[in-house]
């Protein structure tokens, strides 16, 4: 999956560039790694495109799956309760539904890479910090099937996210964190064959429980 490697590289370049903006150096900056579990809702409001235009399909079932990612952010020096962060994470829930190639039922994986941008508020405690945030994400999705020529993909589309959690500092710099994320976006999954595009559109929503380690410069 070359696109996954490329997108994480772009994310890291953007993170480092943002944190080098003049004035950010006085802020509390952090970098973290995380893993967790995604519990998506059904892929809903599904309509087909191309060969089967406007033909509604039943909701597709999405299975639970692992999640892995990284994040970086900063809290402002004059307003320590307010911050922002960017994060990237990947999950690939099992997709059980109809792929519009002869409208056949298949088992596949919905691979979703999310690049998120969040505004955060926190209680700036010395050791324990509950926090919450909201923002938007850029989502890249691909349905990977075993049927020849049936992989469907979606270029980056916007969506939104909410999150909440808490962190506890083990040392002055090292913190453990646990958080809940909610994602929502509309995917137009399609491919092109013989000059004709076909695929389907639907609503993706996901609930993610994540935990990780973060290093704070404060």
N, C-alpha and C. Protein backbone atom coordinates (compact mmCIF):
# COMPACT_ATOMS: atom_id res chain seq x y z
N UNK A 1 0.84 -1.19 0.00
CA UNK A 1 0.00 0.00 0.00
C UNK A 1 0.89 1.25 0.00
N UNK A 2 1.38 1.64 -1.19
CA UNK A 2 2.31 2.76 -1.28
C UNK A 2 1.66 4.06 -0.83
N UNK A 3 0.33 4.23 -1.10
CA UNK A 3 -0.33 5.47 -0.70
C UNK A 3 -0.31 5.67 0.80
N UNK A 4 -0.37 4.56 1.58
CA UNK A 4 -0.35 4.67 3.03
C UNK A 4 1.01 5.21 3.49
N UNK A 5 2.08 4.66 2.93
CA UNK A 5 3.42 5.14 3.28
C UNK A 5 3.58 6.61 2.91
N UNK A 6 3.12 6.99 1.72
CA UNK A 6 3.26 8.38 1.27
C UNK A 6 2.48 9.34 2.15
N UNK A 7 1.25 8.97 2.52
CA UNK A 7 0.43 9.87 3.31
C UNK A 7 0.99 10.09 4.70
N UNK A 8 1.52 9.05 5.32
CA UNK A 8 2.14 9.23 6.63
C UNK A 8 3.38 10.12 6.53
N UNK A 9 4.12 10.01 5.43
CA UNK A 9 5.27 10.88 5.22
C UNK A 9 4.81 12.33 5.11
N UNK A 10 3.75 12.58 4.34
CA UNK A 10 3.24 13.94 4.19
C UNK A 10 2.74 14.48 5.54
N UNK A 11 2.10 13.61 6.33
CA UNK A 11 1.61 14.03 7.65
C UNK A 11 2.76 14.48 8.53
N UNK A 12 3.83 13.71 8.57
CA UNK A 12 4.95 14.04 9.43
C UNK A 12 5.63 15.34 8.99
N UNK A 13 5.75 15.56 7.68
CA UNK A 13 6.31 16.82 7.18
C UNK A 13 5.44 17.99 7.61
N UNK A 14 4.13 17.85 7.50
CA UNK A 14 3.22 18.92 7.89
C UNK A 14 3.27 19.20 9.39
N UNK A 15 3.36 18.12 10.20
CA UNK A 15 3.43 18.28 11.65
C UNK A 15 4.68 19.07 12.05
N UNK A 16 5.82 18.65 11.54
CA UNK A 16 7.08 19.32 11.88
C UNK A 16 7.06 20.77 11.41
N UNK A 17 6.55 21.02 10.20
CA UNK A 17 6.49 22.39 9.67
C UNK A 17 5.62 23.28 10.54
N UNK A 18 4.46 22.76 10.96
CA UNK A 18 3.55 23.56 11.78
C UNK A 18 4.17 23.92 13.12
N UNK A 19 4.88 22.98 13.72
CA UNK A 19 5.45 23.22 15.04
C UNK A 19 6.69 24.10 14.99
N UNK A 20 7.21 24.41 13.79
CA UNK A 20 8.35 25.30 13.67
C UNK A 20 7.93 26.74 13.38
N UNK A 21 6.62 27.01 13.38
CA UNK A 21 6.13 28.38 13.18
C UNK A 21 6.67 29.28 14.29
N UNK A 22 7.17 30.48 13.96
CA UNK A 22 7.69 31.37 14.99
C UNK A 22 6.67 31.62 16.10
N UNK A 23 7.11 31.56 17.34
CA UNK A 23 6.23 31.78 18.49
C UNK A 23 5.75 30.50 19.12
N UNK A 24 5.71 29.40 18.36
CA UNK A 24 5.25 28.13 18.92
C UNK A 24 6.26 27.59 19.93
N UNK A 25 7.53 28.01 19.78
CA UNK A 25 8.57 27.50 20.65
C UNK A 25 8.32 27.72 22.13
N UNK A 26 7.50 28.73 22.49
CA UNK A 26 7.17 28.99 23.88
C UNK A 26 6.03 28.12 24.38
N UNK A 27 5.38 27.40 23.49
CA UNK A 27 4.22 26.60 23.86
C UNK A 27 4.65 25.25 24.44
N UNK A 28 3.69 24.57 25.05
CA UNK A 28 3.90 23.19 25.50
C UNK A 28 3.63 22.26 24.32
N UNK A 29 4.67 21.71 23.76
CA UNK A 29 4.58 20.87 22.57
C UNK A 29 4.63 19.40 22.98
N UNK A 30 3.89 18.55 22.26
CA UNK A 30 3.93 17.13 22.56
C UNK A 30 3.87 16.30 21.28
N UNK A 31 4.44 15.11 21.37
CA UNK A 31 4.38 14.11 20.31
C UNK A 31 3.94 12.80 20.95
N UNK A 32 3.07 12.05 20.26
CA UNK A 32 2.57 10.81 20.84
C UNK A 32 2.36 9.72 19.81
N UNK A 33 2.34 8.50 20.30
CA UNK A 33 1.99 7.33 19.49
C UNK A 33 0.82 6.63 20.16
N UNK A 34 -0.07 6.03 19.37
CA UNK A 34 -1.27 5.44 19.95
C UNK A 34 -1.70 4.21 19.18
N UNK A 35 -2.44 3.38 19.86
CA UNK A 35 -3.08 2.22 19.27
C UNK A 35 -4.44 2.06 19.92
N UNK A 36 -5.31 1.29 19.29
CA UNK A 36 -6.63 1.14 19.88
C UNK A 36 -7.54 0.24 19.08
N UNK A 37 -8.82 0.48 19.24
CA UNK A 37 -9.85 -0.40 18.69
C UNK A 37 -10.94 0.47 18.11
N UNK A 38 -11.30 0.21 16.86
CA UNK A 38 -12.38 0.96 16.22
C UNK A 38 -13.64 0.10 16.18
N UNK A 39 -14.77 0.74 16.48
CA UNK A 39 -16.07 0.07 16.52
C UNK A 39 -17.01 0.84 15.60
N UNK A 40 -16.91 0.63 14.28
CA UNK A 40 -17.70 1.43 13.35
C UNK A 40 -19.17 1.04 13.34
N UNK A 41 -20.00 2.02 13.02
CA UNK A 41 -21.40 1.75 12.73
C UNK A 41 -21.51 1.21 11.30
N UNK A 42 -22.70 0.75 10.93
CA UNK A 42 -22.90 0.28 9.56
C UNK A 42 -22.64 1.40 8.56
N UNK A 43 -22.11 1.04 7.40
CA UNK A 43 -21.94 1.98 6.29
C UNK A 43 -23.34 2.23 5.73
N UNK A 44 -23.87 3.45 5.92
CA UNK A 44 -25.31 3.70 5.73
C UNK A 44 -25.58 4.66 4.57
N UNK A 45 -26.88 4.81 4.27
CA UNK A 45 -27.36 5.70 3.20
C UNK A 45 -26.64 5.38 1.89
N UNK A 46 -26.57 4.10 1.55
CA UNK A 46 -25.78 3.66 0.40
C UNK A 46 -26.58 3.80 -0.89
N UNK A 47 -25.99 4.48 -1.86
CA UNK A 47 -26.55 4.56 -3.21
C UNK A 47 -25.46 4.22 -4.21
N UNK A 48 -25.83 3.62 -5.32
CA UNK A 48 -24.85 3.21 -6.32
C UNK A 48 -24.62 4.30 -7.34
N UNK A 49 -23.51 4.17 -8.07
CA UNK A 49 -23.12 5.14 -9.08
C UNK A 49 -22.74 4.39 -10.36
N UNK A 50 -22.83 5.05 -11.48
CA UNK A 50 -22.31 4.49 -12.73
C UNK A 50 -23.21 3.43 -13.33
N UNK A 51 -22.78 2.16 -13.30
CA UNK A 51 -23.51 1.09 -13.98
C UNK A 51 -24.88 0.85 -13.38
N UNK A 52 -25.05 1.17 -12.11
CA UNK A 52 -26.34 0.97 -11.46
C UNK A 52 -26.76 2.29 -10.81
N UNK A 53 -27.02 3.35 -11.60
CA UNK A 53 -27.24 4.68 -11.05
C UNK A 53 -28.49 4.74 -10.16
N UNK A 54 -28.32 5.44 -9.02
CA UNK A 54 -29.43 5.71 -8.10
C UNK A 54 -30.12 4.45 -7.59
N UNK A 55 -29.45 3.34 -7.63
CA UNK A 55 -30.03 2.10 -7.12
C UNK A 55 -29.63 1.95 -5.65
N UNK A 56 -30.58 2.11 -4.71
CA UNK A 56 -30.21 2.03 -3.29
C UNK A 56 -29.81 0.62 -2.90
N UNK A 57 -28.85 0.52 -2.00
CA UNK A 57 -28.38 -0.76 -1.49
C UNK A 57 -28.59 -0.79 0.02
N UNK A 58 -28.70 -1.99 0.58
CA UNK A 58 -28.81 -2.08 2.04
C UNK A 58 -27.51 -1.62 2.70
N UNK A 59 -27.63 -1.19 3.96
CA UNK A 59 -26.44 -0.81 4.71
C UNK A 59 -25.46 -1.97 4.75
N UNK A 60 -24.18 -1.64 4.65
CA UNK A 60 -23.13 -2.65 4.74
C UNK A 60 -22.63 -2.74 6.18
N UNK A 61 -22.33 -3.94 6.59
CA UNK A 61 -21.83 -4.16 7.95
C UNK A 61 -20.32 -3.93 7.98
N UNK A 62 -19.87 -3.19 8.99
CA UNK A 62 -18.44 -2.97 9.20
C UNK A 62 -18.04 -3.60 10.53
N UNK A 63 -17.03 -4.45 10.50
CA UNK A 63 -16.60 -5.14 11.70
C UNK A 63 -15.63 -4.30 12.53
N UNK A 64 -15.45 -4.68 13.77
CA UNK A 64 -14.49 -4.02 14.64
C UNK A 64 -13.07 -4.31 14.13
N UNK A 65 -12.15 -3.39 14.42
CA UNK A 65 -10.79 -3.54 13.89
C UNK A 65 -9.81 -2.78 14.76
N UNK A 66 -8.54 -3.13 14.62
CA UNK A 66 -7.48 -2.41 15.32
C UNK A 66 -7.25 -1.05 14.67
N UNK A 67 -6.67 -0.14 15.44
CA UNK A 67 -6.30 1.19 14.96
C UNK A 67 -4.89 1.50 15.43
N UNK A 68 -4.10 2.18 14.58
CA UNK A 68 -2.76 2.60 14.96
C UNK A 68 -2.52 4.00 14.41
N UNK A 69 -1.78 4.83 15.17
CA UNK A 69 -1.57 6.18 14.69
C UNK A 69 -0.57 6.95 15.52
N UNK A 70 -0.45 8.25 15.20
CA UNK A 70 0.46 9.15 15.90
C UNK A 70 -0.16 10.54 15.90
N UNK A 71 0.32 11.39 16.82
CA UNK A 71 -0.20 12.75 16.91
C UNK A 71 0.88 13.70 17.40
N UNK A 72 0.64 14.98 17.16
CA UNK A 72 1.51 16.04 17.68
C UNK A 72 0.66 17.27 17.88
N UNK A 73 1.01 18.06 18.88
CA UNK A 73 0.21 19.24 19.16
C UNK A 73 0.93 20.22 20.07
N UNK A 74 0.21 21.28 20.43
CA UNK A 74 0.78 22.31 21.29
C UNK A 74 -0.34 22.99 22.06
N UNK A 75 -0.05 23.35 23.32
CA UNK A 75 -0.92 24.19 24.13
C UNK A 75 -0.29 25.56 24.25
N UNK A 76 -1.11 26.61 24.12
CA UNK A 76 -0.59 27.97 24.02
C UNK A 76 -0.03 28.45 25.36
N UNK A 77 1.08 29.18 25.34
CA UNK A 77 1.72 29.58 26.59
C UNK A 77 0.88 30.53 27.44
N UNK A 78 0.10 31.41 26.80
CA UNK A 78 -0.70 32.39 27.55
C UNK A 78 -2.09 31.87 27.90
N UNK A 79 -2.51 30.78 27.27
CA UNK A 79 -3.82 30.17 27.52
C UNK A 79 -3.60 28.66 27.61
N UNK A 80 -3.10 28.20 28.74
CA UNK A 80 -2.66 26.82 28.86
C UNK A 80 -3.82 25.82 28.79
N UNK A 81 -5.03 26.29 28.85
CA UNK A 81 -6.20 25.42 28.75
C UNK A 81 -6.59 25.16 27.29
N UNK A 82 -5.98 25.89 26.35
CA UNK A 82 -6.37 25.78 24.94
C UNK A 82 -5.19 25.33 24.10
N UNK A 83 -5.46 24.40 23.15
CA UNK A 83 -4.41 23.93 22.26
C UNK A 83 -4.96 23.43 20.94
N UNK A 84 -4.07 22.90 20.13
CA UNK A 84 -4.45 22.31 18.85
C UNK A 84 -3.52 21.15 18.57
N UNK A 85 -3.98 20.25 17.73
CA UNK A 85 -3.15 19.10 17.39
C UNK A 85 -3.48 18.61 15.99
N UNK A 86 -2.56 17.85 15.43
CA UNK A 86 -2.81 17.11 14.20
C UNK A 86 -2.46 15.65 14.46
N UNK A 87 -3.18 14.76 13.84
CA UNK A 87 -2.98 13.33 14.08
C UNK A 87 -3.27 12.55 12.81
N UNK A 88 -2.63 11.41 12.69
CA UNK A 88 -2.89 10.50 11.59
C UNK A 88 -3.08 9.09 12.13
N UNK A 89 -4.11 8.37 11.65
CA UNK A 89 -4.33 7.01 12.12
C UNK A 89 -5.02 6.18 11.04
N UNK A 90 -4.85 4.87 11.17
CA UNK A 90 -5.30 3.92 10.15
C UNK A 90 -6.10 2.80 10.79
N UNK A 91 -7.17 2.38 10.12
CA UNK A 91 -7.94 1.22 10.55
C UNK A 91 -8.52 0.54 9.32
N UNK A 92 -8.78 -0.77 9.40
CA UNK A 92 -9.31 -1.50 8.23
C UNK A 92 -10.40 -2.48 8.65
N UNK A 93 -11.59 -1.98 8.99
CA UNK A 93 -12.68 -2.87 9.39
C UNK A 93 -13.15 -3.78 8.26
N UNK A 94 -13.62 -4.95 8.63
CA UNK A 94 -14.18 -5.90 7.67
C UNK A 94 -15.46 -5.32 7.07
N UNK A 95 -15.56 -5.35 5.75
CA UNK A 95 -16.72 -4.82 5.03
C UNK A 95 -17.52 -6.00 4.49
N UNK A 96 -18.77 -6.09 4.91
CA UNK A 96 -19.64 -7.16 4.43
C UNK A 96 -20.87 -6.53 3.80
N UNK A 97 -20.93 -6.54 2.48
CA UNK A 97 -22.05 -5.92 1.78
C UNK A 97 -21.98 -6.20 0.31
N UNK A 98 -22.64 -5.38 -0.47
CA UNK A 98 -22.74 -5.55 -1.91
C UNK A 98 -21.78 -4.61 -2.61
N UNK A 99 -20.95 -5.14 -3.49
CA UNK A 99 -20.13 -4.33 -4.38
C UNK A 99 -20.83 -4.30 -5.74
N UNK A 100 -21.07 -3.12 -6.32
CA UNK A 100 -21.87 -3.04 -7.53
C UNK A 100 -21.12 -3.49 -8.79
N UNK A 101 -20.74 -4.74 -8.80
CA UNK A 101 -20.22 -5.37 -10.03
C UNK A 101 -21.04 -6.64 -10.20
N UNK A 102 -22.18 -6.49 -10.86
CA UNK A 102 -23.13 -7.58 -10.88
C UNK A 102 -23.89 -7.64 -9.57
N UNK A 103 -23.77 -6.56 -8.74
CA UNK A 103 -24.47 -6.47 -7.46
C UNK A 103 -24.28 -7.74 -6.63
N UNK A 104 -23.04 -8.18 -6.52
CA UNK A 104 -22.77 -9.41 -5.79
C UNK A 104 -22.27 -9.12 -4.38
N UNK A 105 -22.62 -10.01 -3.47
CA UNK A 105 -22.21 -9.90 -2.08
C UNK A 105 -20.76 -10.37 -1.94
N UNK A 106 -19.94 -9.55 -1.27
CA UNK A 106 -18.54 -9.91 -1.08
C UNK A 106 -18.11 -9.59 0.35
N UNK A 107 -17.05 -10.23 0.77
CA UNK A 107 -16.37 -9.86 2.01
C UNK A 107 -15.08 -9.14 1.62
N UNK A 108 -14.84 -8.02 2.25
CA UNK A 108 -13.69 -7.20 1.89
C UNK A 108 -13.26 -6.41 3.13
N UNK A 109 -12.26 -5.57 2.96
CA UNK A 109 -11.82 -4.68 4.01
C UNK A 109 -11.96 -3.24 3.55
N UNK A 110 -12.53 -2.40 4.42
CA UNK A 110 -12.59 -0.97 4.17
C UNK A 110 -11.40 -0.34 4.88
N UNK A 111 -10.40 0.06 4.12
CA UNK A 111 -9.18 0.62 4.68
C UNK A 111 -9.32 2.14 4.72
N UNK A 112 -9.21 2.71 5.92
CA UNK A 112 -9.44 4.15 6.10
C UNK A 112 -8.22 4.78 6.77
N UNK A 113 -7.64 5.76 6.10
CA UNK A 113 -6.56 6.57 6.67
C UNK A 113 -7.11 7.96 6.95
N UNK A 114 -6.96 8.42 8.19
CA UNK A 114 -7.50 9.71 8.62
C UNK A 114 -6.37 10.64 9.01
N UNK A 115 -6.41 11.86 8.50
CA UNK A 115 -5.50 12.92 8.93
C UNK A 115 -6.36 14.00 9.56
N UNK A 116 -6.27 14.15 10.88
CA UNK A 116 -7.18 15.03 11.61
C UNK A 116 -6.50 16.29 12.13
N UNK A 117 -7.31 17.33 12.29
CA UNK A 117 -6.88 18.61 12.85
C UNK A 117 -7.90 19.01 13.91
N UNK A 118 -7.46 19.15 15.17
CA UNK A 118 -8.40 19.34 16.27
C UNK A 118 -8.03 20.57 17.09
N UNK A 119 -9.06 21.27 17.57
CA UNK A 119 -8.90 22.28 18.61
C UNK A 119 -9.25 21.63 19.93
N UNK A 120 -8.49 21.92 20.99
CA UNK A 120 -8.62 21.22 22.27
C UNK A 120 -8.79 22.20 23.42
N UNK A 121 -9.53 21.76 24.43
CA UNK A 121 -9.55 22.43 25.72
C UNK A 121 -9.23 21.37 26.79
N UNK A 122 -8.57 21.80 27.87
CA UNK A 122 -8.17 20.86 28.90
C UNK A 122 -8.22 21.54 30.26
N UNK A 123 -8.20 20.73 31.28
CA UNK A 123 -7.91 21.21 32.62
C UNK A 123 -6.40 21.07 32.80
N UNK A 124 -5.67 22.20 32.96
CA UNK A 124 -4.21 22.12 32.95
C UNK A 124 -3.61 21.72 34.30
N UNK A 125 -4.02 20.54 34.78
CA UNK A 125 -3.48 20.05 36.03
C UNK A 125 -2.03 19.62 35.89
N UNK A 126 -1.35 19.52 37.01
CA UNK A 126 0.06 19.16 36.98
C UNK A 126 0.25 17.69 36.60
N UNK A 127 -0.62 16.80 37.10
CA UNK A 127 -0.47 15.37 36.84
C UNK A 127 -1.63 14.76 36.08
N UNK A 128 -2.83 15.28 36.26
CA UNK A 128 -4.02 14.69 35.65
C UNK A 128 -4.73 15.75 34.84
N UNK A 129 -4.99 15.46 33.56
CA UNK A 129 -5.56 16.45 32.64
C UNK A 129 -6.68 15.85 31.79
N UNK A 130 -7.93 16.01 32.17
CA UNK A 130 -9.02 15.66 31.24
C UNK A 130 -9.06 16.69 30.10
N UNK A 131 -9.50 16.26 28.93
CA UNK A 131 -9.54 17.17 27.79
C UNK A 131 -10.64 16.74 26.81
N UNK A 132 -11.01 17.67 25.95
CA UNK A 132 -12.00 17.41 24.90
C UNK A 132 -11.66 18.26 23.70
N UNK A 133 -12.15 17.85 22.54
CA UNK A 133 -11.85 18.60 21.34
C UNK A 133 -12.78 18.28 20.19
N UNK A 134 -12.67 19.07 19.16
CA UNK A 134 -13.44 18.87 17.93
C UNK A 134 -12.63 19.40 16.78
N UNK A 135 -12.90 18.89 15.61
CA UNK A 135 -12.17 19.35 14.44
C UNK A 135 -12.65 18.68 13.18
N UNK A 136 -11.79 18.70 12.19
CA UNK A 136 -12.14 18.06 10.91
C UNK A 136 -11.01 17.15 10.50
N UNK A 137 -11.33 16.26 9.59
CA UNK A 137 -10.33 15.32 9.10
C UNK A 137 -10.38 15.21 7.60
N UNK A 138 -9.27 14.77 7.02
CA UNK A 138 -9.22 14.36 5.64
C UNK A 138 -9.14 12.84 5.63
N UNK A 139 -10.07 12.21 4.92
CA UNK A 139 -10.21 10.77 4.94
C UNK A 139 -9.89 10.18 3.57
N UNK A 140 -9.04 9.17 3.57
CA UNK A 140 -8.79 8.39 2.35
C UNK A 140 -9.30 6.98 2.60
N UNK A 141 -10.14 6.47 1.71
CA UNK A 141 -10.75 5.15 1.91
C UNK A 141 -10.55 4.29 0.67
N UNK A 142 -10.45 2.99 0.92
CA UNK A 142 -10.32 2.02 -0.17
C UNK A 142 -10.97 0.71 0.27
N UNK A 143 -11.79 0.13 -0.60
CA UNK A 143 -12.34 -1.20 -0.35
C UNK A 143 -11.47 -2.20 -1.11
N UNK A 144 -10.83 -3.07 -0.36
CA UNK A 144 -9.92 -4.07 -0.91
C UNK A 144 -10.64 -5.42 -0.94
N UNK A 145 -10.91 -5.93 -2.15
CA UNK A 145 -11.64 -7.18 -2.30
C UNK A 145 -10.78 -8.23 -2.99
N UNK A 146 -11.28 -9.47 -2.98
CA UNK A 146 -10.62 -10.56 -3.69
C UNK A 146 -11.13 -10.71 -5.12
N UNK A 147 -12.12 -9.89 -5.51
CA UNK A 147 -12.66 -9.98 -6.86
C UNK A 147 -11.79 -9.17 -7.82
N UNK A 148 -11.36 -9.73 -8.93
CA UNK A 148 -10.52 -9.00 -9.88
C UNK A 148 -11.20 -7.71 -10.35
N UNK A 149 -10.46 -6.60 -10.23
CA UNK A 149 -10.97 -5.34 -10.73
C UNK A 149 -12.06 -4.71 -9.89
N UNK A 150 -12.28 -5.20 -8.66
CA UNK A 150 -13.38 -4.69 -7.86
C UNK A 150 -12.94 -3.80 -6.70
N UNK A 151 -11.64 -3.51 -6.58
CA UNK A 151 -11.20 -2.58 -5.54
C UNK A 151 -11.73 -1.18 -5.85
N UNK A 152 -12.30 -0.54 -4.83
CA UNK A 152 -12.88 0.78 -4.99
C UNK A 152 -12.16 1.75 -4.05
N UNK A 153 -11.90 2.96 -4.52
CA UNK A 153 -11.17 3.91 -3.69
C UNK A 153 -11.83 5.28 -3.72
N UNK A 154 -11.47 6.07 -2.71
CA UNK A 154 -11.96 7.43 -2.55
C UNK A 154 -10.77 8.32 -2.25
N UNK A 155 -10.58 9.36 -3.04
CA UNK A 155 -9.53 10.32 -2.72
C UNK A 155 -9.90 11.11 -1.47
N UNK A 156 -9.01 11.96 -1.04
CA UNK A 156 -9.24 12.68 0.22
C UNK A 156 -10.56 13.45 0.19
N UNK A 157 -11.37 13.23 1.23
CA UNK A 157 -12.61 13.98 1.41
C UNK A 157 -12.66 14.51 2.84
N UNK A 158 -13.33 15.64 3.07
CA UNK A 158 -13.41 16.17 4.43
C UNK A 158 -14.47 15.44 5.24
N UNK A 159 -14.28 15.45 6.53
CA UNK A 159 -15.25 14.93 7.49
C UNK A 159 -15.01 15.63 8.80
N UNK A 160 -15.73 15.25 9.83
CA UNK A 160 -15.52 15.88 11.12
C UNK A 160 -15.28 14.85 12.20
N UNK A 161 -14.80 15.33 13.34
CA UNK A 161 -14.45 14.43 14.43
C UNK A 161 -14.66 15.14 15.77
N UNK A 162 -15.01 14.34 16.79
CA UNK A 162 -15.05 14.78 18.17
C UNK A 162 -14.18 13.83 18.98
N UNK A 163 -13.60 14.34 20.06
CA UNK A 163 -12.80 13.47 20.91
C UNK A 163 -12.85 13.96 22.35
N UNK A 164 -12.58 13.04 23.25
CA UNK A 164 -12.49 13.36 24.67
C UNK A 164 -11.65 12.32 25.36
N UNK A 165 -10.93 12.72 26.40
CA UNK A 165 -10.08 11.76 27.08
C UNK A 165 -9.41 12.36 28.30
N UNK A 166 -8.40 11.68 28.77
CA UNK A 166 -7.61 12.19 29.87
C UNK A 166 -6.18 11.67 29.74
N UNK A 167 -5.27 12.43 30.29
CA UNK A 167 -3.86 12.02 30.33
C UNK A 167 -3.35 12.14 31.76
N UNK A 168 -2.46 11.23 32.09
CA UNK A 168 -1.82 11.26 33.39
C UNK A 168 -0.32 11.23 33.20
N UNK A 169 0.40 12.10 33.89
CA UNK A 169 1.84 12.21 33.73
C UNK A 169 2.55 11.23 34.66
N UNK A 170 3.34 10.36 34.07
CA UNK A 170 4.17 9.42 34.82
C UNK A 170 5.41 10.13 35.33
N UNK A 171 5.99 10.98 34.51
CA UNK A 171 7.09 11.86 34.89
C UNK A 171 6.66 13.28 34.51
N UNK A 172 7.55 14.24 34.64
CA UNK A 172 7.21 15.60 34.28
C UNK A 172 6.95 15.74 32.77
N UNK A 173 7.51 14.82 31.98
CA UNK A 173 7.39 14.92 30.53
C UNK A 173 6.60 13.80 29.88
N UNK A 174 6.61 12.61 30.46
CA UNK A 174 5.98 11.44 29.84
C UNK A 174 4.57 11.25 30.38
N UNK A 175 3.59 11.16 29.47
CA UNK A 175 2.20 11.01 29.86
C UNK A 175 1.57 9.81 29.18
N UNK A 176 0.69 9.13 29.91
CA UNK A 176 -0.19 8.11 29.35
C UNK A 176 -1.53 8.77 29.05
N UNK A 177 -2.15 8.43 27.93
CA UNK A 177 -3.46 9.00 27.63
C UNK A 177 -4.41 7.93 27.10
N UNK A 178 -5.69 8.16 27.37
CA UNK A 178 -6.77 7.32 26.86
C UNK A 178 -7.82 8.26 26.31
N UNK A 179 -8.37 7.97 25.13
CA UNK A 179 -9.36 8.87 24.57
C UNK A 179 -10.36 8.13 23.68
N UNK A 180 -11.51 8.79 23.52
CA UNK A 180 -12.56 8.32 22.62
C UNK A 180 -12.64 9.28 21.44
N UNK A 181 -12.78 8.74 20.22
CA UNK A 181 -12.92 9.54 19.02
C UNK A 181 -14.20 9.14 18.28
N UNK A 182 -14.85 10.12 17.70
CA UNK A 182 -15.99 9.86 16.81
C UNK A 182 -15.69 10.50 15.47
N UNK A 183 -15.78 9.72 14.40
CA UNK A 183 -15.51 10.19 13.04
C UNK A 183 -16.76 10.08 12.18
N UNK A 184 -16.92 11.02 11.25
CA UNK A 184 -17.99 10.91 10.26
C UNK A 184 -17.54 11.55 8.95
N UNK A 185 -17.81 10.85 7.84
CA UNK A 185 -17.50 11.37 6.51
C UNK A 185 -18.37 10.64 5.49
N UNK A 186 -18.52 11.22 4.34
CA UNK A 186 -19.23 10.59 3.22
C UNK A 186 -18.22 10.13 2.18
N UNK A 187 -18.23 8.83 1.89
CA UNK A 187 -17.30 8.25 0.91
C UNK A 187 -18.01 7.99 -0.40
N UNK A 188 -17.38 8.39 -1.49
CA UNK A 188 -17.85 8.08 -2.84
C UNK A 188 -16.83 7.10 -3.42
N UNK A 189 -17.03 5.83 -3.15
CA UNK A 189 -16.07 4.78 -3.51
C UNK A 189 -16.32 4.32 -4.94
N UNK A 190 -15.29 4.42 -5.77
CA UNK A 190 -15.51 4.08 -7.18
C UNK A 190 -14.22 3.66 -7.84
N UNK A 191 -14.38 3.09 -9.01
CA UNK A 191 -13.25 2.76 -9.86
C UNK A 191 -13.67 3.04 -11.30
N UNK A 192 -12.73 2.94 -12.22
CA UNK A 192 -13.03 3.19 -13.64
C UNK A 192 -12.57 1.99 -14.45
N UNK A 193 -13.46 1.50 -15.27
CA UNK A 193 -13.12 0.39 -16.15
C UNK A 193 -13.71 0.67 -17.52
N UNK A 194 -12.87 0.51 -18.56
CA UNK A 194 -13.28 0.77 -19.95
C UNK A 194 -13.85 2.18 -20.10
N UNK A 195 -13.23 3.13 -19.39
CA UNK A 195 -13.63 4.52 -19.50
C UNK A 195 -14.89 4.87 -18.73
N UNK A 196 -15.47 3.94 -17.98
CA UNK A 196 -16.72 4.20 -17.25
C UNK A 196 -16.49 4.04 -15.76
N UNK A 197 -16.92 5.04 -14.99
CA UNK A 197 -16.79 4.98 -13.54
C UNK A 197 -18.01 4.29 -12.94
N UNK A 198 -17.76 3.47 -11.94
CA UNK A 198 -18.87 2.91 -11.18
C UNK A 198 -18.42 2.69 -9.74
N UNK A 199 -19.39 2.60 -8.86
CA UNK A 199 -19.11 2.44 -7.45
C UNK A 199 -20.33 2.79 -6.63
N UNK A 200 -20.11 3.24 -5.40
CA UNK A 200 -21.25 3.63 -4.57
C UNK A 200 -20.82 4.63 -3.52
N UNK A 201 -21.82 5.31 -2.97
CA UNK A 201 -21.61 6.36 -1.98
C UNK A 201 -22.33 5.98 -0.70
N UNK A 202 -21.77 6.36 0.44
CA UNK A 202 -22.41 6.08 1.71
C UNK A 202 -21.77 6.86 2.84
N UNK A 203 -22.38 6.77 4.03
CA UNK A 203 -21.93 7.50 5.20
C UNK A 203 -21.12 6.59 6.11
N UNK A 204 -19.92 7.03 6.42
CA UNK A 204 -19.01 6.31 7.31
C UNK A 204 -19.00 6.99 8.67
N UNK A 205 -19.30 6.24 9.73
CA UNK A 205 -19.18 6.74 11.10
C UNK A 205 -18.43 5.69 11.91
N UNK A 206 -17.57 6.16 12.80
CA UNK A 206 -16.74 5.23 13.55
C UNK A 206 -16.53 5.73 14.97
N UNK A 207 -16.51 4.78 15.90
CA UNK A 207 -16.20 5.05 17.30
C UNK A 207 -14.87 4.38 17.61
N UNK A 208 -13.92 5.14 18.14
CA UNK A 208 -12.57 4.64 18.37
C UNK A 208 -12.17 4.85 19.82
N UNK A 209 -11.68 3.79 20.44
CA UNK A 209 -11.07 3.88 21.76
C UNK A 209 -9.57 3.72 21.57
N UNK A 210 -8.80 4.72 22.00
CA UNK A 210 -7.36 4.71 21.77
C UNK A 210 -6.62 4.97 23.07
N UNK A 211 -5.41 4.47 23.14
CA UNK A 211 -4.52 4.72 24.27
C UNK A 211 -3.11 4.85 23.74
N UNK A 212 -2.29 5.61 24.47
CA UNK A 212 -0.93 5.78 23.98
C UNK A 212 -0.03 6.51 24.96
N UNK A 213 1.16 6.81 24.48
CA UNK A 213 2.18 7.53 25.23
C UNK A 213 2.49 8.83 24.50
N UNK A 214 2.69 9.91 25.26
CA UNK A 214 3.05 11.19 24.65
C UNK A 214 4.19 11.82 25.46
N UNK A 215 5.09 12.46 24.72
CA UNK A 215 6.21 13.17 25.35
C UNK A 215 5.95 14.66 25.23
N UNK A 216 5.87 15.33 26.39
CA UNK A 216 5.57 16.77 26.44
C UNK A 216 6.83 17.55 26.76
N UNK A 217 7.01 18.65 26.03
CA UNK A 217 8.10 19.60 26.30
C UNK A 217 7.47 20.78 27.03
N UNK A 218 7.58 20.80 28.33
CA UNK A 218 6.92 21.84 29.12
C UNK A 218 7.79 22.33 30.26
